[in-house]
Amino acid sequence: MNTRQVPPTRVPTLTEVVRLPEGGEVAVPTPPPPPPDPMIARPPAAAPFVERRAGWPQLSEDQIVQRVLSDLQRQIDLMLEVKLREVLAPVLTRATDTMLRDARAELASTLRDVVARAVEQELSRHRGS
């Protein structure tokens, strides 16, 4: 028996899932600001909040979209970094191993040539003396 779910043919947008009251504004509590991360570019600061109730700012649809996109961007960046590290680590290890093997072989060949020339020069000096 196949219990796999079929993926949806259409994914609803955020505004279709979250119904906003008339006027397009909703009051939500202000989350604590995330710690600054110098590696992540931040979007420009949103317009100042107009307080509806103490501790509950009034947010427009654009501000909600910006917050959601900002949070998603941070999550995507983190997931992308983790996945890239997982994928690239073995590839870089193999490339490094191959490069070291080739460098050692080239160095050994060059060293043999240098030693052979030095021995040949020394023998020719002894024969000439």
N, C-alpha and C. Protein backbone atom coordinates (compact mmCIF):
# COMPACT_ATOMS: atom_id res chain seq x y z
N MET A 1 0.84 -1.18 0.00
CA MET A 1 0.00 0.00 0.00
C MET A 1 0.88 1.24 0.00
N ASN A 2 0.64 2.14 -0.90
CA ASN A 2 1.43 3.36 -1.02
C ASN A 2 0.83 4.45 -0.14
N THR A 3 1.62 4.90 0.86
CA THR A 3 1.13 5.93 1.79
C THR A 3 1.75 7.29 1.49
N ARG A 4 2.46 7.41 0.37
CA ARG A 4 3.06 8.69 0.00
C ARG A 4 2.01 9.70 -0.36
N GLN A 5 2.20 10.91 0.14
CA GLN A 5 1.26 11.98 -0.17
C GLN A 5 1.68 12.64 -1.48
N VAL A 6 0.70 13.04 -2.25
CA VAL A 6 0.96 13.74 -3.50
C VAL A 6 1.18 15.22 -3.17
N PRO A 7 2.25 15.84 -3.70
CA PRO A 7 2.48 17.24 -3.39
C PRO A 7 1.37 18.10 -3.99
N PRO A 8 1.10 19.23 -3.36
CA PRO A 8 0.03 20.09 -3.88
C PRO A 8 0.43 20.67 -5.24
N THR A 9 -0.55 20.90 -6.07
CA THR A 9 -0.26 21.48 -7.39
C THR A 9 -0.08 22.98 -7.30
N ARG A 10 -0.62 23.60 -6.25
CA ARG A 10 -0.50 25.04 -6.06
C ARG A 10 -0.30 25.31 -4.57
N VAL A 11 0.66 26.16 -4.26
CA VAL A 11 0.92 26.54 -2.87
C VAL A 11 0.32 27.93 -2.66
N PRO A 12 -0.52 28.09 -1.62
CA PRO A 12 -1.14 29.40 -1.40
C PRO A 12 -0.11 30.41 -0.93
N THR A 13 -0.39 31.68 -1.19
CA THR A 13 0.48 32.74 -0.72
C THR A 13 0.17 33.05 0.73
N LEU A 14 1.05 33.80 1.36
CA LEU A 14 0.87 34.15 2.77
C LEU A 14 -0.43 34.93 2.98
N THR A 15 -0.75 35.82 2.07
CA THR A 15 -1.96 36.63 2.24
C THR A 15 -3.22 35.80 2.04
N GLU A 16 -3.12 34.67 1.36
CA GLU A 16 -4.28 33.79 1.22
C GLU A 16 -4.48 32.94 2.47
N VAL A 17 -3.41 32.63 3.15
CA VAL A 17 -3.48 31.80 4.34
C VAL A 17 -3.85 32.64 5.56
N VAL A 18 -3.23 33.80 5.68
CA VAL A 18 -3.48 34.69 6.81
C VAL A 18 -4.45 35.76 6.34
N ARG A 19 -5.62 35.76 6.90
CA ARG A 19 -6.63 36.77 6.54
C ARG A 19 -6.40 38.02 7.39
N LEU A 20 -6.18 39.13 6.73
CA LEU A 20 -5.95 40.38 7.43
C LEU A 20 -7.29 41.10 7.61
N PRO A 21 -7.47 41.80 8.73
CA PRO A 21 -8.71 42.55 8.92
C PRO A 21 -8.76 43.72 7.94
N GLU A 22 -9.90 44.35 7.85
CA GLU A 22 -10.08 45.51 6.98
C GLU A 22 -8.99 46.53 7.27
N GLY A 23 -8.47 47.16 6.25
CA GLY A 23 -7.41 48.15 6.44
C GLY A 23 -6.04 47.53 6.25
N GLY A 24 -5.92 46.22 6.22
CA GLY A 24 -4.65 45.55 5.96
C GLY A 24 -3.65 45.62 7.09
N GLU A 25 -4.09 45.90 8.33
CA GLU A 25 -3.15 45.99 9.44
C GLU A 25 -3.58 45.03 10.53
N VAL A 26 -2.60 44.51 11.25
CA VAL A 26 -2.86 43.58 12.33
C VAL A 26 -1.90 43.89 13.47
N ALA A 27 -2.35 43.70 14.69
CA ALA A 27 -1.50 43.95 15.86
C ALA A 27 -0.88 42.63 16.30
N VAL A 28 0.43 42.61 16.43
CA VAL A 28 1.15 41.43 16.90
C VAL A 28 2.19 41.88 17.92
N PRO A 29 2.55 41.01 18.87
CA PRO A 29 3.58 41.40 19.84
C PRO A 29 4.92 41.55 19.15
N THR A 30 5.75 42.42 19.69
CA THR A 30 7.08 42.64 19.14
C THR A 30 8.02 41.57 19.67
N PRO A 31 8.62 40.74 18.77
CA PRO A 31 9.57 39.75 19.24
C PRO A 31 10.88 40.44 19.63
N PRO A 32 11.68 39.80 20.49
CA PRO A 32 12.96 40.41 20.83
C PRO A 32 13.83 40.46 19.58
N PRO A 33 14.65 41.50 19.45
CA PRO A 33 15.48 41.60 18.25
C PRO A 33 16.52 40.49 18.22
N PRO A 34 16.77 39.93 17.03
CA PRO A 34 17.79 38.87 16.93
C PRO A 34 19.17 39.47 17.14
N PRO A 35 20.12 38.65 17.59
CA PRO A 35 21.49 39.17 17.76
C PRO A 35 22.05 39.56 16.40
N PRO A 36 22.84 40.61 16.33
CA PRO A 36 23.38 41.03 15.04
C PRO A 36 24.35 40.00 14.49
N ASP A 37 24.24 39.76 13.20
CA ASP A 37 25.12 38.82 12.52
C ASP A 37 25.78 39.56 11.36
N PRO A 38 27.09 39.82 11.43
CA PRO A 38 27.74 40.62 10.40
C PRO A 38 27.78 39.92 9.05
N MET A 39 27.54 38.61 8.99
CA MET A 39 27.62 37.86 7.73
C MET A 39 26.32 37.95 6.93
N ILE A 40 25.25 38.41 7.56
CA ILE A 40 23.96 38.45 6.88
C ILE A 40 23.58 39.90 6.64
N ALA A 41 23.26 40.21 5.38
CA ALA A 41 22.83 41.57 5.05
C ALA A 41 21.41 41.76 5.55
N ARG A 42 21.19 42.83 6.21
CA ARG A 42 19.86 43.11 6.76
C ARG A 42 19.09 44.04 5.83
N PRO A 43 17.76 43.83 5.71
CA PRO A 43 16.97 44.75 4.92
C PRO A 43 16.87 46.08 5.63
N PRO A 44 16.50 47.14 4.92
CA PRO A 44 16.40 48.44 5.58
C PRO A 44 15.36 48.38 6.70
N ALA A 45 15.58 49.21 7.70
CA ALA A 45 14.68 49.22 8.86
C ALA A 45 13.27 49.59 8.42
N ALA A 46 12.29 48.92 9.04
CA ALA A 46 10.90 49.18 8.71
C ALA A 46 10.49 50.53 9.32
N ALA A 47 9.35 51.03 8.85
CA ALA A 47 8.84 52.29 9.38
C ALA A 47 8.56 52.14 10.86
N PRO A 48 8.63 53.24 11.64
CA PRO A 48 8.39 53.14 13.07
C PRO A 48 6.98 52.61 13.34
N PHE A 49 6.84 51.87 14.43
CA PHE A 49 5.56 51.27 14.78
C PHE A 49 4.67 52.29 15.49
N VAL A 50 3.40 52.18 15.22
CA VAL A 50 2.41 52.99 15.94
C VAL A 50 1.77 52.06 16.94
N GLU A 51 1.89 52.39 18.21
CA GLU A 51 1.38 51.51 19.26
C GLU A 51 -0.15 51.55 19.31
N ARG A 52 -0.78 50.39 19.25
CA ARG A 52 -2.22 50.29 19.42
C ARG A 52 -2.53 50.06 20.88
N ARG A 53 -1.80 49.09 21.47
CA ARG A 53 -1.90 48.81 22.91
C ARG A 53 -0.48 48.74 23.43
N ALA A 54 -0.33 48.84 24.72
CA ALA A 54 1.02 48.80 25.30
C ALA A 54 1.69 47.48 24.94
N GLY A 55 2.84 47.54 24.27
CA GLY A 55 3.61 46.35 23.91
C GLY A 55 3.14 45.68 22.63
N TRP A 56 2.07 46.16 22.00
CA TRP A 56 1.54 45.54 20.78
C TRP A 56 1.60 46.56 19.64
N PRO A 57 2.62 46.50 18.79
CA PRO A 57 2.71 47.46 17.69
C PRO A 57 1.72 47.14 16.58
N GLN A 58 1.38 48.14 15.82
CA GLN A 58 0.50 47.97 14.69
C GLN A 58 1.38 47.76 13.46
N LEU A 59 1.21 46.63 12.77
CA LEU A 59 2.05 46.30 11.62
C LEU A 59 1.23 46.30 10.35
N SER A 60 1.80 46.83 9.30
CA SER A 60 1.14 46.78 8.00
C SER A 60 1.48 45.44 7.34
N GLU A 61 0.78 45.14 6.27
CA GLU A 61 1.05 43.90 5.54
C GLU A 61 2.48 43.89 5.02
N ASP A 62 2.96 45.04 4.53
CA ASP A 62 4.34 45.12 4.03
C ASP A 62 5.35 44.82 5.13
N GLN A 63 5.10 45.32 6.34
CA GLN A 63 6.02 45.06 7.45
C GLN A 63 6.02 43.58 7.82
N ILE A 64 4.85 42.96 7.79
CA ILE A 64 4.77 41.52 8.10
C ILE A 64 5.52 40.74 7.03
N VAL A 65 5.31 41.09 5.77
CA VAL A 65 6.00 40.41 4.67
C VAL A 65 7.50 40.58 4.82
N GLN A 66 7.96 41.79 5.16
CA GLN A 66 9.40 42.02 5.35
C GLN A 66 9.97 41.17 6.47
N ARG A 67 9.23 41.08 7.58
CA ARG A 67 9.70 40.25 8.71
C ARG A 67 9.79 38.79 8.32
N VAL A 68 8.75 38.29 7.65
CA VAL A 68 8.73 36.88 7.24
C VAL A 68 9.87 36.62 6.26
N LEU A 69 10.04 37.50 5.27
CA LEU A 69 11.13 37.32 4.31
C LEU A 69 12.49 37.38 4.97
N SER A 70 12.66 38.28 5.92
CA SER A 70 13.93 38.39 6.63
C SER A 70 14.23 37.11 7.42
N ASP A 71 13.22 36.59 8.12
CA ASP A 71 13.40 35.34 8.87
C ASP A 71 13.70 34.18 7.93
N LEU A 72 12.97 34.11 6.83
CA LEU A 72 13.21 33.03 5.86
C LEU A 72 14.61 33.14 5.26
N GLN A 73 15.06 34.37 4.97
CA GLN A 73 16.39 34.55 4.41
C GLN A 73 17.46 34.03 5.35
N ARG A 74 17.32 34.33 6.65
CA ARG A 74 18.30 33.84 7.63
C ARG A 74 18.29 32.32 7.67
N GLN A 75 17.09 31.72 7.68
CA GLN A 75 16.99 30.26 7.75
C GLN A 75 17.56 29.62 6.48
N ILE A 76 17.26 30.19 5.33
CA ILE A 76 17.77 29.65 4.07
C ILE A 76 19.28 29.77 4.01
N ASP A 77 19.81 30.91 4.44
CA ASP A 77 21.27 31.09 4.45
C ASP A 77 21.95 30.05 5.32
N LEU A 78 21.39 29.80 6.49
CA LEU A 78 21.96 28.82 7.40
C LEU A 78 21.88 27.41 6.80
N MET A 79 20.72 27.05 6.27
CA MET A 79 20.56 25.72 5.68
C MET A 79 21.48 25.55 4.47
N LEU A 80 21.60 26.59 3.65
CA LEU A 80 22.47 26.52 2.48
C LEU A 80 23.92 26.33 2.89
N GLU A 81 24.35 27.05 3.91
CA GLU A 81 25.73 26.90 4.38
C GLU A 81 25.99 25.49 4.88
N VAL A 82 25.05 24.95 5.66
CA VAL A 82 25.22 23.59 6.20
C VAL A 82 25.27 22.58 5.06
N LYS A 83 24.35 22.68 4.11
CA LYS A 83 24.31 21.73 2.99
C LYS A 83 25.56 21.85 2.12
N LEU A 84 26.00 23.09 1.86
CA LEU A 84 27.20 23.26 1.06
C LEU A 84 28.42 22.65 1.75
N ARG A 85 28.51 22.83 3.06
CA ARG A 85 29.62 22.22 3.79
C ARG A 85 29.56 20.70 3.70
N GLU A 86 28.36 20.13 3.82
CA GLU A 86 28.21 18.68 3.74
C GLU A 86 28.61 18.16 2.36
N VAL A 87 28.21 18.86 1.32
CA VAL A 87 28.48 18.42 -0.04
C VAL A 87 29.92 18.69 -0.44
N LEU A 88 30.43 19.86 -0.08
CA LEU A 88 31.76 20.24 -0.54
C LEU A 88 32.90 19.59 0.25
N ALA A 89 32.67 19.21 1.48
CA ALA A 89 33.75 18.64 2.30
C ALA A 89 34.38 17.42 1.63
N PRO A 90 33.61 16.40 1.22
CA PRO A 90 34.27 15.24 0.59
C PRO A 90 34.89 15.59 -0.77
N VAL A 91 34.27 16.48 -1.53
CA VAL A 91 34.82 16.87 -2.83
C VAL A 91 36.16 17.58 -2.64
N LEU A 92 36.21 18.50 -1.69
CA LEU A 92 37.46 19.22 -1.43
C LEU A 92 38.54 18.30 -0.87
N THR A 93 38.14 17.32 -0.06
CA THR A 93 39.10 16.36 0.48
C THR A 93 39.71 15.54 -0.66
N ARG A 94 38.87 15.05 -1.57
CA ARG A 94 39.39 14.28 -2.72
C ARG A 94 40.29 15.14 -3.59
N ALA A 95 39.88 16.38 -3.84
CA ALA A 95 40.69 17.28 -4.67
C ALA A 95 42.03 17.56 -4.02
N THR A 96 42.03 17.77 -2.71
CA THR A 96 43.27 18.03 -1.97
C THR A 96 44.18 16.81 -2.02
N ASP A 97 43.60 15.63 -1.80
CA ASP A 97 44.41 14.40 -1.87
C ASP A 97 45.03 14.22 -3.25
N THR A 98 44.26 14.44 -4.29
CA THR A 98 44.78 14.30 -5.66
C THR A 98 45.88 15.32 -5.92
N MET A 99 45.66 16.56 -5.49
CA MET A 99 46.65 17.61 -5.69
C MET A 99 47.95 17.29 -4.94
N LEU A 100 47.84 16.80 -3.71
CA LEU A 100 49.04 16.43 -2.95
C LEU A 100 49.78 15.27 -3.61
N ARG A 101 49.03 14.28 -4.08
CA ARG A 101 49.66 13.14 -4.76
C ARG A 101 50.41 13.60 -6.00
N ASP A 102 49.78 14.46 -6.81
CA ASP A 102 50.42 14.97 -8.02
C ASP A 102 51.64 15.83 -7.69
N ALA A 103 51.53 16.65 -6.65
CA ALA A 103 52.66 17.51 -6.26
C ALA A 103 53.83 16.66 -5.77
N ARG A 104 53.54 15.62 -4.99
CA ARG A 104 54.62 14.73 -4.52
C ARG A 104 55.30 14.03 -5.68
N ALA A 105 54.50 13.55 -6.64
CA ALA A 105 55.08 12.85 -7.80
C ALA A 105 55.95 13.82 -8.61
N GLU A 106 55.47 15.04 -8.81
CA GLU A 106 56.25 16.03 -9.56
C GLU A 106 57.52 16.40 -8.82
N LEU A 107 57.41 16.58 -7.50
CA LEU A 107 58.58 16.91 -6.69
C LEU A 107 59.61 15.78 -6.72
N ALA A 108 59.13 14.54 -6.62
CA ALA A 108 60.05 13.39 -6.66
C ALA A 108 60.75 13.32 -8.01
N SER A 109 60.01 13.56 -9.08
CA SER A 109 60.61 13.53 -10.42
C SER A 109 61.65 14.64 -10.58
N THR A 110 61.32 15.83 -10.12
CA THR A 110 62.26 16.96 -10.21
C THR A 110 63.50 16.68 -9.36
N LEU A 111 63.30 16.13 -8.18
CA LEU A 111 64.43 15.83 -7.30
C LEU A 111 65.35 14.78 -7.93
N ARG A 112 64.73 13.75 -8.56
CA ARG A 112 65.56 12.74 -9.25
C ARG A 112 66.38 13.37 -10.36
N ASP A 113 65.76 14.27 -11.14
CA ASP A 113 66.48 14.94 -12.23
C ASP A 113 67.63 15.79 -11.70
N VAL A 114 67.40 16.53 -10.63
CA VAL A 114 68.43 17.39 -10.04
C VAL A 114 69.59 16.54 -9.52
N VAL A 115 69.27 15.47 -8.81
CA VAL A 115 70.32 14.59 -8.28
C VAL A 115 71.09 13.93 -9.43
N ALA A 116 70.38 13.48 -10.47
CA ALA A 116 71.07 12.84 -11.61
C ALA A 116 72.02 13.83 -12.28
N ARG A 117 71.60 15.08 -12.47
CA ARG A 117 72.48 16.09 -13.08
C ARG A 117 73.69 16.38 -12.19
N ALA A 118 73.45 16.48 -10.89
CA ALA A 118 74.56 16.76 -9.97
C ALA A 118 75.57 15.62 -9.99
N VAL A 119 75.09 14.38 -9.99
CA VAL A 119 76.00 13.22 -10.04
C VAL A 119 76.76 13.22 -11.35
N GLU A 120 76.06 13.50 -12.46
CA GLU A 120 76.71 13.51 -13.77
C GLU A 120 77.79 14.59 -13.83
N GLN A 121 77.51 15.77 -13.29
CA GLN A 121 78.51 16.84 -13.28
C GLN A 121 79.72 16.46 -12.41
N GLU A 122 79.46 15.86 -11.29
CA GLU A 122 80.55 15.47 -10.40
C GLU A 122 81.41 14.40 -11.05
N LEU A 123 80.78 13.42 -11.72
CA LEU A 123 81.55 12.37 -12.42
C LEU A 123 82.38 12.94 -13.56
N SER A 124 81.81 13.91 -14.29
CA SER A 124 82.58 14.51 -15.39
C SER A 124 83.77 15.32 -14.86
N ARG A 125 83.63 15.93 -13.68
CA ARG A 125 84.77 16.64 -13.09
C ARG A 125 85.88 15.66 -12.70
N HIS A 126 85.49 14.51 -12.13
CA HIS A 126 86.51 13.52 -11.73
C HIS A 126 87.16 12.89 -12.92
N ARG A 127 86.45 12.68 -14.01
CA ARG A 127 87.04 12.11 -15.22
C ARG A 127 87.98 13.10 -15.88
N GLY A 128 87.60 14.38 -15.81
CA GLY A 128 88.42 15.41 -16.43
C GLY A 128 89.66 15.71 -15.64
N SER A 129 89.74 15.35 -14.38
CA SER A 129 90.91 15.70 -13.60
C SER A 129 92.06 14.79 -13.81
